[in-house]
C-alpha cells in the first residue's frame, strides 16, 4: 500500500513539475520585441554587424575547418553527446534566409528558433541574451549579406534523456531568464563596455565558468574555471591560476590582440578565440575588456586547498622524488632546454617561462599534458604573424617519459606541484592524435 501511495505521489509531483515547466515554456518568450530606430545606413549596419560577429566569434563555431564560412557542421563535444552547429548563411532552406530580424533577435535573446523551438544552450544564448536589439539587428544584416551555402544541418547526437528537447523547458525554468545588459551607473563607461563585451558577445563564462551536472553555470560573470572536453579554461578569479589584477594592462591587451606577451602565450581553444575574434577588436574595445577583467575580484584558495597542494609532492618518497627529478631533468635537457632555458626562464614573447607558470602548476593536468603530447602554436595574428610553436612529442615520448618531464618542470626552479603519473598522461594521448 505504501509503495502504491509513493508511486501516486511521485506521479503527482511529476505532473505538477511538468505543468509548471510547460507554463514557463509558454510565457518565457512574450514575442514582444523592442522597436529600434533605423538611424544608420544599410551599408554601415552591415559593417557594424561584421565587427560584432567577429566579437562573438561566430565564424569559429559555425564553420568546419576548411569548409564554407558560417555553413555550420562543426562538432561540439560535450558530456551530453555531440552538438553540430547549424548553417547560418542566408540560404532559405539550409540556413537562416527565411528568418526576420525579429527571429534572429529571439534566438539571441530568448534562445528560441523561428517556430518557438527551444535551442540547446550549447548555443550560448545565456550570454547572448545580454546583446542589445540594435547590435542584434546589425549582426543579422551582416549575416544576410553573406554568400549562401546549401550545406544541410545535422541532427545532434545526444545521449538519453538529453536528446528529448522538450526537457529544455525544465532547464530554462531553472537556469535561464532573458535579460539585456543593464548599465552599472557606479562604474565608468569603459568598464560597462568591457562588461557588455565580455559577458555578452564574448561569452567568456561559457568556457571560463564552472558548470553543474546539467551544464548550467552560475551566470554570465562566473569565471571560476571550466573543464572543457579535453582542456581546462583557467579561473579568472583564482589568485593561484590567472591573477589578472596583477597583470599590467598592456600585458593583457597584447595577449588578447596578438596571442602572446612577454610572459605567456595562448593555445588550444583560446588560440582560436584570439585568431577569430579578439585580434580584430579595436583598441578601445580591447582596453574596455581589460578594464573589466582586471577589476574582477580575485579569491585565494582556502587554506585546506593550499595545504593539499603543498602536500602533493609528498605522495612519493624522497628517494622516488630524487629519481623523478634526475630522469625528468635529463629528458628536459634533451627536449626542452634549448627553448625554455636551463632555469625555465623561457624567452620573452617567444617561448613561455615554465618557472612559476600558473598554467603548468594548476591541479588540472589536461593543458600541460596536451601541450607536450600534441604541441601547438599561438594564433597567427596581425601583431604576431609568425608565431613560434611547440613541436608534438606524442610519437617521441612514452607516457612514462611525459610524466617524468612534467613532474620535473612542476617541481624545478622553486615550482611546487604534484607529480604526474603515466595513467594521467595516457588519458589524453588519443585526443592528442585526433
Protein backbone atom coordinates (compact mmCIF):
# COMPACT_ATOMS: atom_id res chain seq x y z
CA UNK A 1 0.00 0.00 0.00
CA UNK A 2 2.80 2.41 0.92
CA UNK A 3 4.55 1.65 -2.36
CA UNK A 4 1.37 2.47 -4.31
CA UNK A 5 0.91 5.73 -2.42
CA UNK A 6 4.53 6.70 -3.05
CA UNK A 7 4.10 5.94 -6.74
CA UNK A 8 0.95 8.06 -6.94
CA UNK A 9 2.69 10.91 -5.09
CA UNK A 10 5.64 10.70 -7.46
CA UNK A 11 3.31 10.86 -10.46
CA UNK A 12 1.51 13.87 -8.99
CA UNK A 13 4.78 15.69 -8.34
CA UNK A 14 6.00 14.87 -11.83
CA UNK A 15 2.76 16.17 -13.29
CA UNK A 16 2.94 19.38 -11.28
CA UNK A 17 6.54 19.90 -12.37
CA UNK A 18 5.60 19.24 -15.99
CA UNK A 19 2.70 21.70 -15.86
CA UNK A 20 4.93 24.32 -14.23
CA UNK A 21 7.65 23.83 -16.80
CA UNK A 22 5.18 23.91 -19.68
CA UNK A 23 3.64 27.05 -18.25
CA UNK A 24 7.06 28.68 -18.15
CA UNK A 25 7.68 27.48 -21.70
CA UNK A 26 4.53 29.32 -22.83
CA UNK A 27 5.25 32.60 -21.07
CA UNK A 28 9.04 32.90 -21.01
CA UNK A 29 9.02 34.29 -24.55
CA UNK A 30 6.45 37.05 -24.89
CA UNK A 31 7.42 37.72 -28.50
CA UNK A 32 7.47 41.41 -27.60
CA UNK A 33 10.49 42.92 -29.30
CA UNK A 34 11.90 46.40 -28.84
CA UNK A 35 11.50 48.76 -31.77
CA UNK A 36 14.79 50.16 -32.97
CA UNK A 37 15.05 53.35 -34.99
CA UNK A 38 16.82 52.85 -38.31
CA UNK A 39 19.37 55.59 -37.68
CA UNK A 40 22.27 54.21 -39.74
CA UNK A 41 22.57 53.35 -43.41
CA UNK A 42 22.28 49.79 -44.64
CA UNK A 43 25.97 49.61 -45.52
CA UNK A 44 27.00 50.97 -42.13
CA UNK A 45 24.75 48.43 -40.43
CA UNK A 46 26.41 45.59 -42.34
CA UNK A 47 29.88 46.91 -41.43
CA UNK A 48 28.88 47.20 -37.79
CA UNK A 49 27.44 43.68 -37.90
CA UNK A 50 30.64 42.27 -39.38
CA UNK A 51 32.57 43.70 -36.43
CA UNK A 52 30.08 42.36 -33.88
CA UNK A 53 30.02 38.89 -35.45
CA UNK A 54 33.80 38.82 -35.04
CA UNK A 55 33.41 39.95 -31.42
CA UNK A 56 31.11 36.97 -30.87
CA UNK A 57 33.48 34.59 -32.73
CA UNK A 58 30.50 33.25 -34.68
CA UNK A 59 32.74 32.05 -37.52
CA UNK A 60 34.75 29.85 -35.15
CA UNK A 61 31.78 27.70 -34.13
CA UNK A 62 29.72 27.83 -37.32
CA UNK A 63 32.48 26.80 -39.72
CA UNK A 64 34.13 23.45 -40.26
CA UNK A 65 37.89 23.92 -40.75
CA UNK A 66 38.36 24.28 -44.48
CA UNK A 67 34.61 24.50 -45.09
CA UNK A 68 32.30 27.22 -46.31
CA UNK A 69 32.18 30.14 -43.84
CA UNK A 70 29.18 30.09 -41.49
CA UNK A 71 27.77 26.93 -43.14
CA UNK A 72 27.82 25.03 -39.83
CA UNK A 73 28.64 21.39 -39.24
CA UNK A 74 31.33 21.83 -36.62
CA UNK A 75 31.18 19.23 -33.84
CA UNK A 76 30.99 20.41 -30.24
CA UNK A 77 31.83 17.50 -27.95
CA UNK A 78 30.21 17.61 -24.52
CA UNK A 79 29.38 15.28 -21.64
CA UNK A 80 25.85 15.03 -23.07
CA UNK A 81 26.88 13.99 -26.56
CA UNK A 82 27.81 15.79 -29.76
CA UNK A 83 26.24 19.01 -30.97
CA UNK A 84 26.51 20.02 -34.63
CA UNK A 85 26.47 23.76 -35.25
CA UNK A 86 23.86 24.97 -37.77
CA UNK A 87 24.18 26.75 -41.09
CA UNK A 88 23.66 30.49 -40.53
CA UNK A 89 24.17 31.68 -44.10
CA UNK A 90 21.18 33.35 -45.85
CA UNK A 91 20.18 30.19 -47.73
CA UNK A 92 16.40 29.89 -47.33
CA UNK A 93 16.25 26.10 -46.99
CA UNK A 94 19.52 25.17 -45.30
CA UNK A 95 20.38 28.39 -43.47
CA UNK A 96 18.52 31.29 -41.88
CA UNK A 97 17.48 33.05 -45.08
CA UNK A 98 13.79 32.79 -44.12
CA UNK A 99 14.40 34.44 -40.74
CA UNK A 100 13.47 38.02 -39.98
CA UNK A 101 15.45 40.38 -37.79
CA UNK A 102 12.88 39.67 -35.08
CA UNK A 103 13.52 35.94 -35.40
CA UNK A 104 17.26 36.44 -35.11
CA UNK A 105 16.85 38.58 -32.00
CA UNK A 106 14.58 35.94 -30.46
CA UNK A 107 17.32 33.34 -30.95
CA UNK A 108 19.97 35.50 -29.30
CA UNK A 109 17.75 36.99 -26.62
CA UNK A 110 15.36 34.14 -25.83
CA UNK A 111 17.14 31.04 -27.09
CA UNK A 112 14.29 30.05 -29.41
CA UNK A 113 14.10 29.39 -33.13
CA UNK A 114 11.53 30.75 -35.58
CA UNK A 115 8.80 28.29 -34.62
CA UNK A 116 9.35 28.68 -30.89
CA UNK A 117 11.58 25.60 -30.83
CA UNK A 118 13.83 25.75 -27.80
CA UNK A 119 17.53 25.87 -28.60
CA UNK A 120 20.10 23.88 -26.67
CA UNK A 121 22.39 26.09 -24.56
CA UNK A 122 25.41 24.79 -26.48
CA UNK A 123 24.45 27.92 -28.41
CA UNK A 124 25.40 30.42 -25.67
CA UNK A 125 22.16 32.40 -25.63
CA UNK A 126 22.52 32.56 -21.85
CA UNK A 127 25.25 35.10 -22.64
CA UNK A 128 23.90 36.46 -25.92
CA UNK A 129 20.68 37.49 -24.16
CA UNK A 130 22.75 40.47 -22.97
CA UNK A 131 23.15 41.73 -26.55
CA UNK A 132 21.17 44.83 -27.44
CA UNK A 133 18.48 44.78 -30.13
CA UNK A 134 20.43 47.31 -32.20
CA UNK A 135 23.53 45.08 -32.19
CA UNK A 136 21.43 42.02 -32.96
CA UNK A 137 19.93 43.79 -35.99
CA UNK A 138 23.39 44.74 -37.24
CA UNK A 139 24.62 41.15 -36.89
CA UNK A 140 21.55 39.93 -38.77
CA UNK A 141 22.18 42.45 -41.57
CA UNK A 142 25.74 41.21 -41.95
CA UNK A 143 24.78 37.53 -41.99
CA UNK A 144 22.14 38.25 -44.63
CA UNK A 145 24.86 39.82 -46.81
CA UNK A 146 26.98 36.66 -46.89
CA UNK A 147 27.17 34.11 -49.71
CA UNK A 148 24.59 31.37 -49.38
CA UNK A 149 25.52 27.78 -48.62
CA UNK A 150 23.24 24.80 -49.22
CA UNK A 151 25.06 22.65 -46.66
CA UNK A 152 22.41 20.77 -44.71
CA UNK A 153 22.26 20.77 -40.93
CA UNK A 154 22.93 17.60 -38.97
CA UNK A 155 20.87 16.37 -36.05
CA UNK A 156 22.59 16.48 -32.69
CA UNK A 157 23.87 13.13 -31.42
CA UNK A 158 22.92 13.25 -27.74
CA UNK A 159 22.52 10.61 -25.06
CA UNK A 160 19.15 9.85 -23.49
CA UNK A 161 17.42 11.77 -21.94
CA UNK A 162 19.23 14.86 -23.26
CA UNK A 163 18.01 14.10 -26.78
CA UNK A 164 14.46 14.94 -25.62
CA UNK A 165 14.27 18.63 -26.48
CA UNK A 166 11.04 19.10 -24.51
CA UNK A 167 13.03 18.69 -21.29
CA UNK A 168 14.72 22.02 -22.07
CA UNK A 169 11.60 23.64 -20.63
CA UNK A 170 12.68 22.40 -17.19
CA UNK A 171 16.26 23.56 -17.79
CA UNK A 172 15.11 27.01 -18.87
CA UNK A 173 12.77 27.30 -15.91
CA UNK A 174 15.63 26.56 -13.54
CA UNK A 175 18.55 28.34 -15.18
CA UNK A 176 17.57 30.94 -17.77
CA UNK A 177 15.83 34.31 -17.84
CA UNK A 178 16.11 36.64 -20.85
CA UNK A 179 17.75 39.93 -19.86
CA UNK A 180 19.53 42.64 -21.83
CA UNK A 181 22.60 44.31 -20.40
CA UNK A 182 21.91 46.92 -17.75
CA UNK A 183 24.45 49.71 -17.33
CA UNK A 184 26.06 49.93 -13.89
CA UNK A 185 25.88 53.64 -13.13
CA UNK A 186 28.52 53.29 -10.42
CA UNK A 187 31.11 52.23 -13.00
CA UNK A 188 32.82 54.04 -15.84
CA UNK A 189 31.63 53.92 -19.43
CA UNK A 190 34.76 51.92 -20.31
CA UNK A 191 34.07 49.34 -17.59
CA UNK A 192 30.47 48.96 -18.79
CA UNK A 193 31.57 48.50 -22.38
CA UNK A 194 34.01 45.83 -21.24
CA UNK A 195 31.34 44.06 -19.19
CA UNK A 196 28.98 44.12 -22.17
CA UNK A 197 31.57 42.57 -24.47
CA UNK A 198 32.98 40.02 -22.00
CA UNK A 199 29.67 38.82 -20.60
CA UNK A 200 27.58 39.12 -23.76
CA UNK A 201 29.06 38.72 -27.22
CA UNK A 202 32.40 37.45 -25.92
CA UNK A 203 30.55 34.80 -23.81
CA UNK A 204 33.76 34.26 -21.81
CA UNK A 205 31.94 32.49 -18.97
CA UNK A 206 30.84 29.78 -21.44
CA UNK A 207 34.37 28.37 -21.12
CA UNK A 208 35.83 30.02 -18.03
CA UNK A 209 32.79 29.32 -15.82
CA UNK A 210 32.14 26.19 -13.81
CA UNK A 211 29.10 24.08 -14.68
CA UNK A 212 26.79 21.81 -12.74
CA UNK A 213 25.69 18.34 -13.81
CA UNK A 214 23.10 19.79 -16.19
CA UNK A 215 25.54 22.10 -17.92
CA UNK A 216 24.48 25.37 -16.27
CA UNK A 217 26.90 27.80 -14.70
CA UNK A 218 26.38 30.44 -12.05
CA UNK A 219 25.85 33.27 -14.54
CA UNK A 220 27.47 35.39 -17.21
CA UNK A 221 30.06 36.70 -14.76
CA UNK A 222 31.09 33.31 -13.40
CA UNK A 223 34.81 32.92 -14.12
CA UNK A 224 35.62 30.20 -11.60
CA UNK A 225 37.26 27.93 -14.20
CA UNK A 226 35.71 25.42 -16.53
CA UNK A 227 36.56 21.93 -17.73
CA UNK A 228 36.06 21.54 -21.46
CA UNK A 229 36.17 18.14 -23.16
CA UNK A 230 39.96 17.87 -23.22
CA UNK A 231 41.06 21.29 -21.98
CA UNK A 232 40.73 23.41 -18.88
CA UNK A 233 39.79 27.09 -19.10
CA UNK A 234 41.52 28.56 -16.04
CA UNK A 235 39.70 30.54 -13.40
CA UNK A 236 39.97 34.30 -13.81
CA UNK A 237 39.04 34.79 -10.16
CA UNK A 238 41.58 32.47 -8.55
CA UNK A 239 44.85 34.07 -7.47
CA UNK A 240 46.58 30.70 -7.89
CA UNK A 241 45.57 30.39 -11.56
CA UNK A 242 45.30 33.66 -13.51
CA UNK A 243 45.61 36.66 -11.25
CA UNK A 244 44.54 39.31 -13.76
CA UNK A 245 44.70 42.16 -11.27
CA UNK A 246 48.47 41.63 -11.08
CA UNK A 247 48.88 41.92 -14.84
CA UNK A 248 49.76 45.23 -16.40
CA UNK A 249 47.00 46.43 -18.78
CA UNK A 250 49.35 46.29 -21.76
CA UNK A 251 50.21 42.65 -20.99
CA UNK A 252 46.59 41.52 -21.11
CA UNK A 253 45.89 43.74 -24.12
CA UNK A 254 48.79 42.15 -26.00
CA UNK A 255 47.56 38.66 -25.16
CA UNK A 256 44.04 39.38 -26.42
CA UNK A 257 45.27 41.21 -29.52
CA UNK A 258 48.23 39.06 -30.60
CA UNK A 259 48.01 35.82 -28.59
CA UNK A 260 51.35 36.39 -26.84
CA UNK A 261 53.02 38.69 -24.36
CA UNK A 262 56.40 38.69 -22.70
CA UNK A 263 55.34 36.02 -20.18
CA UNK A 264 52.95 33.63 -21.87
CA UNK A 265 51.03 32.61 -24.98
CA UNK A 266 47.54 31.30 -25.59
CA UNK A 267 46.92 27.84 -27.03
CA UNK A 268 44.12 25.39 -27.66
CA UNK A 269 40.58 26.83 -27.71
CA UNK A 270 41.79 30.27 -26.57
CA UNK A 271 44.11 30.45 -29.57
CA UNK A 272 41.02 30.04 -31.76
CA UNK A 273 39.28 32.85 -29.90
CA UNK A 274 42.18 35.24 -30.44
CA UNK A 275 42.62 34.17 -34.07
CA UNK A 276 38.95 34.52 -34.99
CA UNK A 277 37.73 37.21 -32.64
CA UNK A 278 39.74 39.39 -30.27
CA UNK A 279 42.57 40.23 -32.67
CA UNK A 280 40.01 42.12 -34.78
CA UNK A 281 38.64 44.27 -31.96
CA UNK A 282 39.62 47.90 -31.93
CA UNK A 283 41.95 49.27 -29.28
CA UNK A 284 39.13 50.95 -27.37
CA UNK A 285 37.18 47.72 -27.01
CA UNK A 286 40.28 45.76 -26.05
CA UNK A 287 41.04 48.39 -23.39
CA UNK A 288 37.45 48.18 -22.15
CA UNK A 289 37.62 44.41 -21.81
CA UNK A 290 40.93 44.68 -19.99
CA UNK A 291 39.47 47.29 -17.66
CA UNK A 292 36.59 45.00 -16.77
CA UNK A 293 38.62 41.80 -16.50
CA UNK A 294 41.26 43.33 -14.23
CA UNK A 295 38.53 44.64 -11.92
CA UNK A 296 37.08 41.16 -11.31
CA UNK A 297 37.59 40.37 -7.60
CA UNK A 298 40.08 37.55 -7.11
CA UNK A 299 39.96 34.96 -4.38
CA UNK A 300 42.69 32.95 -2.71
CA UNK A 301 42.02 29.22 -2.31
CA UNK A 302 41.11 28.18 1.19
CA UNK A 303 43.94 27.03 3.41
CA UNK A 304 42.94 23.38 3.07
CA UNK A 305 43.38 23.55 -0.72
CA UNK A 306 46.76 25.23 -0.32
CA UNK A 307 47.75 22.63 2.27
CA UNK A 308 46.71 19.82 -0.05
CA UNK A 309 48.74 21.37 -2.85
CA UNK A 310 51.79 21.67 -0.59
CA UNK A 311 51.46 18.01 0.38
CA UNK A 312 51.05 16.85 -3.20
CA UNK A 313 54.78 16.41 -3.75
CA UNK A 314 54.93 14.22 -0.62
CA UNK A 315 52.81 11.47 -2.20
CA UNK A 316 56.06 9.81 -3.27
CA UNK A 317 59.07 9.05 -1.12
CA UNK A 318 62.12 11.29 -1.08
CA UNK A 319 64.16 8.65 -2.91
CA UNK A 320 61.50 8.28 -5.58
CA UNK A 321 61.25 12.05 -5.98
CA UNK A 322 65.01 12.25 -6.38
CA UNK A 323 64.87 9.69 -9.19
CA UNK A 324 61.98 11.51 -10.86
CA UNK A 325 63.89 14.79 -10.81
CA UNK A 326 67.03 13.12 -12.15
CA UNK A 327 65.32 11.28 -15.00
CA UNK A 328 62.90 14.10 -15.78
CA UNK A 329 65.76 16.60 -15.74
CA UNK A 330 67.65 14.56 -18.31
CA UNK A 331 64.60 14.48 -20.58
CA UNK A 332 64.12 18.22 -20.11
CA UNK A 333 67.73 18.90 -21.08
CA UNK A 334 67.35 16.84 -24.25
CA UNK A 335 63.95 18.02 -25.45
CA UNK A 336 63.04 21.30 -23.76
CA UNK A 337 66.00 23.31 -22.51
CA UNK A 338 67.01 24.86 -25.84
CA UNK A 339 63.72 26.79 -25.95
CA UNK A 340 62.61 27.14 -22.33
CA UNK A 341 66.05 27.70 -20.80
CA UNK A 342 68.17 25.93 -18.21
CA UNK A 343 66.29 27.70 -15.44
CA UNK A 344 62.84 27.51 -17.03
CA UNK A 345 63.01 31.24 -17.78
CA UNK A 346 61.87 30.95 -21.41
CA UNK A 347 62.33 33.74 -23.94
CA UNK A 348 60.14 36.84 -23.65
CA UNK A 349 57.29 36.94 -26.21
CA UNK A 350 58.60 33.75 -27.87
CA UNK A 351 58.82 30.77 -25.51
CA UNK A 352 56.76 30.93 -22.29
CA UNK A 353 58.60 30.69 -18.99
CA UNK A 354 58.00 27.45 -17.08
CA UNK A 355 59.25 28.81 -13.79
CA UNK A 356 56.30 29.97 -11.68
CA UNK A 357 53.91 29.32 -14.56
CA UNK A 358 50.32 29.05 -13.20
CA UNK A 359 49.09 27.04 -16.19
CA UNK A 360 51.80 24.46 -15.61
CA UNK A 361 51.29 24.28 -11.85
CA UNK A 362 47.50 24.07 -11.83
CA UNK A 363 45.95 20.90 -10.40
CA UNK A 364 44.18 20.36 -13.74
CA UNK A 365 46.69 18.47 -15.87
CA UNK A 366 44.87 18.45 -19.20
CA UNK A 367 46.52 21.56 -20.64
CA UNK A 368 50.19 20.80 -19.91
CA UNK A 369 49.80 17.13 -20.87
CA UNK A 370 48.12 18.03 -24.16
CA UNK A 371 50.76 20.64 -24.95
CA UNK A 372 53.57 18.14 -24.51
CA UNK A 373 51.79 15.43 -26.50
CA UNK A 374 50.23 17.48 -29.29
CA UNK A 375 52.35 20.61 -29.24
CA UNK A 376 50.75 23.76 -30.52
CA UNK A 377 51.14 27.25 -31.85
CA UNK A 378 49.84 30.57 -30.65
CA UNK A 379 47.42 32.02 -33.21
CA UNK A 380 48.59 33.76 -36.34
CA UNK A 381 47.63 37.39 -35.81
CA UNK A 382 48.38 40.75 -37.33
CA UNK A 383 50.64 41.57 -34.40
CA UNK A 384 52.35 38.17 -34.43
CA UNK A 385 52.20 36.79 -37.98
CA UNK A 386 54.87 34.12 -37.48
CA UNK A 387 54.39 32.68 -34.00
CA UNK A 388 56.90 30.29 -32.52
CA UNK A 389 55.35 26.99 -31.56
CA UNK A 390 55.99 23.80 -29.67
CA UNK A 391 56.50 20.52 -31.55
CA UNK A 392 54.41 17.47 -30.64
CA UNK A 393 56.07 14.72 -28.62
CA UNK A 394 53.23 12.21 -28.90
CA UNK A 395 55.39 9.96 -31.11
CA UNK A 396 58.67 10.80 -29.38
CA UNK A 397 58.00 10.32 -25.68
CA UNK A 398 56.19 7.48 -23.94
CA UNK A 399 53.51 8.11 -21.33
CA UNK A 400 56.07 7.45 -18.59
CA UNK A 401 58.57 9.89 -20.13
CA UNK A 402 55.94 12.63 -20.48
CA UNK A 403 55.01 12.06 -16.84
CA UNK A 404 58.66 12.34 -15.81
CA UNK A 405 59.40 15.57 -17.67
CA UNK A 406 56.17 17.20 -16.47
CA UNK A 407 56.85 16.11 -12.89
CA UNK A 408 60.31 17.67 -13.23
CA UNK A 409 59.21 21.06 -14.55
CA UNK A 410 56.36 21.19 -11.99
CA UNK A 411 58.92 20.85 -9.19
CA UNK A 412 62.09 22.52 -10.52
CA UNK A 413 63.28 26.12 -10.02
CA UNK A 414 61.11 26.62 -6.94
CA UNK A 415 57.94 25.26 -8.54
CA UNK A 416 55.84 23.05 -6.32
CA UNK A 417 53.07 20.80 -7.57
CA UNK A 418 52.03 17.17 -7.67
CA UNK A 419 53.94 14.58 -9.64
CA UNK A 420 52.33 13.24 -12.80
CA UNK A 421 51.83 9.54 -13.50
CA UNK A 422 51.68 7.75 -16.83
CA UNK A 423 47.98 6.91 -16.47
CA UNK A 424 47.17 10.62 -16.28
CA UNK A 425 49.13 11.16 -19.48
CA UNK A 426 47.56 8.24 -21.31
CA UNK A 427 44.00 9.52 -20.93
CA UNK A 428 44.89 12.46 -23.20
CA UNK A 429 47.04 10.61 -25.71
CA UNK A 430 44.17 9.64 -28.00
CA UNK A 431 42.83 13.20 -28.02
CA UNK A 432 46.29 14.49 -28.91
CA UNK A 433 46.47 12.49 -32.12
CA UNK A 434 42.85 13.07 -33.27
